[in-house]
Amino acid sequence: MCVPVDQSKLLTDDGLDLRTLAEALQRPLTLDPEHRVAALGASHHDRAAALASLEAPDFSLPDLSGQLPSLGEQRGKKVLLVAYASW
């Protein structure tokens, strides 16, 4: 993706300004300076398109027998997904 940005705002004495980059890309940014980790999320346009399609993203999880079925293998069938979180 080519995004026009003002290089003087993007590059600082400390390096690349990730907040400016995230704004230019229109993507959410999460920073953990203590661990020196940064993550860019999907743009709101991409998330909106995925929601509008009403199609769940493909993923695989192990079942009780250790097999690794994927959701994509179930396309065209009715599927019940049950999720649990202890928190």
C-alpha atoms as a PDB file:
ATOM      1  CA  MET A   1       0.000   0.000   0.000  1.00  0.00           C
ATOM      2  CA  CYS A   2       1.354   3.394  -0.932  1.00  0.00           C
ATOM      3  CA  VAL A   3       0.333   6.151   1.467  1.00  0.00           C
ATOM      4  CA  PRO A   4       1.508   9.738   1.012  1.00  0.00           C
ATOM      5  CA  VAL A   5       2.849  11.128   4.301  1.00  0.00           C
ATOM      6  CA  ASP A   6       4.920  14.095   5.356  1.00  0.00           C
ATOM      7  CA  GLN A   7       8.305  12.474   5.991  1.00  0.00           C
ATOM      8  CA  SER A   8       9.260  15.219   8.450  1.00  0.00           C
ATOM      9  CA  LYS A   9       6.309  14.177  10.654  1.00  0.00           C
ATOM     10  CA  LEU A  10       6.857  10.434  10.214  1.00  0.00           C
ATOM     11  CA  LEU A  11      10.545  10.313  11.109  1.00  0.00           C
ATOM     12  CA  THR A  12      11.709  11.661  14.467  1.00  0.00           C
ATOM     13  CA  ASP A  13      15.014  11.677  16.338  1.00  0.00           C
ATOM     14  CA  ASP A  14      13.816   8.482  18.079  1.00  0.00           C
ATOM     15  CA  GLY A  15      12.933   6.755  14.803  1.00  0.00           C
ATOM     16  CA  LEU A  16       9.580   6.080  13.135  1.00  0.00           C
ATOM     17  CA  ASP A  17       6.525   7.786  14.682  1.00  0.00           C
ATOM     18  CA  LEU A  18       4.082   4.880  14.726  1.00  0.00           C
ATOM     19  CA  ARG A  19       1.127   7.033  15.764  1.00  0.00           C
ATOM     20  CA  THR A  20       1.536   9.201  12.658  1.00  0.00           C
ATOM     21  CA  LEU A  21       1.872   6.074  10.510  1.00  0.00           C
ATOM     22  CA  ALA A  22      -1.269   4.521  12.044  1.00  0.00           C
ATOM     23  CA  GLU A  23      -3.218   7.727  11.381  1.00  0.00           C
ATOM     24  CA  ALA A  24      -2.031   7.811   7.757  1.00  0.00           C
ATOM     25  CA  LEU A  25      -3.089   4.179   7.301  1.00  0.00           C
ATOM     26  CA  GLN A  26      -6.356   4.768   9.190  1.00  0.00           C
ATOM     27  CA  ARG A  27      -5.644   1.803  11.437  1.00  0.00           C
ATOM     28  CA  PRO A  28      -5.841   1.439  15.217  1.00  0.00           C
ATOM     29  CA  LEU A  29      -2.503   1.205  17.008  1.00  0.00           C
ATOM     30  CA  THR A  30      -1.602  -0.517  20.263  1.00  0.00           C
ATOM     31  CA  LEU A  31       1.745   0.189  21.903  1.00  0.00           C
ATOM     32  CA  ASP A  32       3.555  -1.496  24.790  1.00  0.00           C
ATOM     33  CA  PRO A  33       6.684   0.636  25.266  1.00  0.00           C
ATOM     34  CA  GLU A  34       7.884  -1.452  28.216  1.00  0.00           C
ATOM     35  CA  HIS A  35       8.165  -4.554  26.024  1.00  0.00           C
ATOM     36  CA  ARG A  36       8.909  -2.563  22.851  1.00  0.00           C
ATOM     37  CA  VAL A  37       5.920  -4.042  21.000  1.00  0.00           C
ATOM     38  CA  ALA A  38       3.522  -2.346  18.584  1.00  0.00           C
ATOM     39  CA  ALA A  39       0.528  -3.752  16.712  1.00  0.00           C
ATOM     40  CA  LEU A  40      -1.510  -2.216  13.896  1.00  0.00           C
ATOM     41  CA  GLY A  41      -5.107  -3.400  13.622  1.00  0.00           C
ATOM     42  CA  ALA A  42      -7.298  -3.714  10.562  1.00  0.00           C
ATOM     43  CA  SER A  43      -8.749  -0.491   9.207  1.00  0.00           C
ATOM     44  CA  HIS A  44     -12.362   0.355   9.957  1.00  0.00           C
ATOM     45  CA  HIS A  45     -13.104  -0.066   6.220  1.00  0.00           C
ATOM     46  CA  ASP A  46     -11.775  -3.660   6.280  1.00  0.00           C
ATOM     47  CA  ARG A  47     -13.659  -4.479   9.492  1.00  0.00           C
ATOM     48  CA  ALA A  48     -16.892  -2.980   8.126  1.00  0.00           C
ATOM     49  CA  ALA A  49     -16.571  -4.988   4.895  1.00  0.00           C
ATOM     50  CA  ALA A  50     -16.012  -8.200   6.850  1.00  0.00           C
ATOM     51  CA  LEU A  51     -19.062  -7.533   9.018  1.00  0.00           C
ATOM     52  CA  ALA A  52     -21.210  -6.636   6.013  1.00  0.00           C
ATOM     53  CA  SER A  53     -20.355  -9.942   4.336  1.00  0.00           C
ATOM     54  CA  LEU A  54     -21.834 -11.847   7.316  1.00  0.00           C
ATOM     55  CA  GLU A  55     -19.167 -14.495   6.690  1.00  0.00           C
ATOM     56  CA  ALA A  56     -17.038 -15.657   9.602  1.00  0.00           C
ATOM     57  CA  PRO A  57     -13.286 -15.743   9.022  1.00  0.00           C
ATOM     58  CA  ASP A  58     -11.763 -19.172   8.559  1.00  0.00           C
ATOM     59  CA  PHE A  59     -10.018 -20.651  11.583  1.00  0.00           C
ATOM     60  CA  SER A  60      -9.020 -24.062  12.916  1.00  0.00           C
ATOM     61  CA  LEU A  61      -9.209 -25.405  16.453  1.00  0.00           C
ATOM     62  CA  PRO A  62      -8.511 -28.900  17.776  1.00  0.00           C
ATOM     63  CA  ASP A  63     -11.578 -30.980  18.629  1.00  0.00           C
ATOM     64  CA  LEU A  64     -11.860 -33.459  21.510  1.00  0.00           C
ATOM     65  CA  SER A  65     -10.247 -36.233  19.438  1.00  0.00           C
ATOM     66  CA  GLY A  66      -7.234 -34.076  18.522  1.00  0.00           C
ATOM     67  CA  GLN A  67      -8.295 -33.489  14.899  1.00  0.00           C
ATOM     68  CA  LEU A  68      -7.889 -29.972  13.516  1.00  0.00           C
ATOM     69  CA  PRO A  69     -11.079 -29.153  11.579  1.00  0.00           C
ATOM     70  CA  SER A  70     -11.483 -25.692  10.076  1.00  0.00           C
ATOM     71  CA  LEU A  71     -14.574 -23.567   9.800  1.00  0.00           C
ATOM     72  CA  GLY A  72     -13.964 -23.268   6.051  1.00  0.00           C
ATOM     73  CA  GLU A  73     -14.568 -27.020   5.677  1.00  0.00           C
ATOM     74  CA  GLN A  74     -18.118 -26.424   6.912  1.00  0.00           C
ATOM     75  CA  ARG A  75     -19.104 -23.787   4.321  1.00  0.00           C
ATOM     76  CA  GLY A  76     -22.673 -24.312   3.144  1.00  0.00           C
ATOM     77  CA  LYS A  77     -23.604 -26.239   6.302  1.00  0.00           C
ATOM     78  CA  LYS A  78     -25.279 -25.007   9.458  1.00  0.00           C
ATOM     79  CA  VAL A  79     -22.707 -24.654  12.228  1.00  0.00           C
ATOM     80  CA  LEU A  80     -23.166 -23.957  15.942  1.00  0.00           C
ATOM     81  CA  LEU A  81     -20.159 -22.351  17.611  1.00  0.00           C
ATOM     82  CA  VAL A  82     -20.047 -22.374  21.406  1.00  0.00           C
ATOM     83  CA  ALA A  83     -17.490 -20.138  23.108  1.00  0.00           C
ATOM     84  CA  TYR A  84     -16.503 -20.050  26.758  1.00  0.00           C
ATOM     85  CA  ALA A  85     -14.309 -17.701  28.711  1.00  0.00           C
ATOM     86  CA  SER A  86     -13.582 -17.933  32.422  1.00  0.00           C
ATOM     87  CA  TRP A  87     -12.977 -14.230  32.811  1.00  0.00           C
END
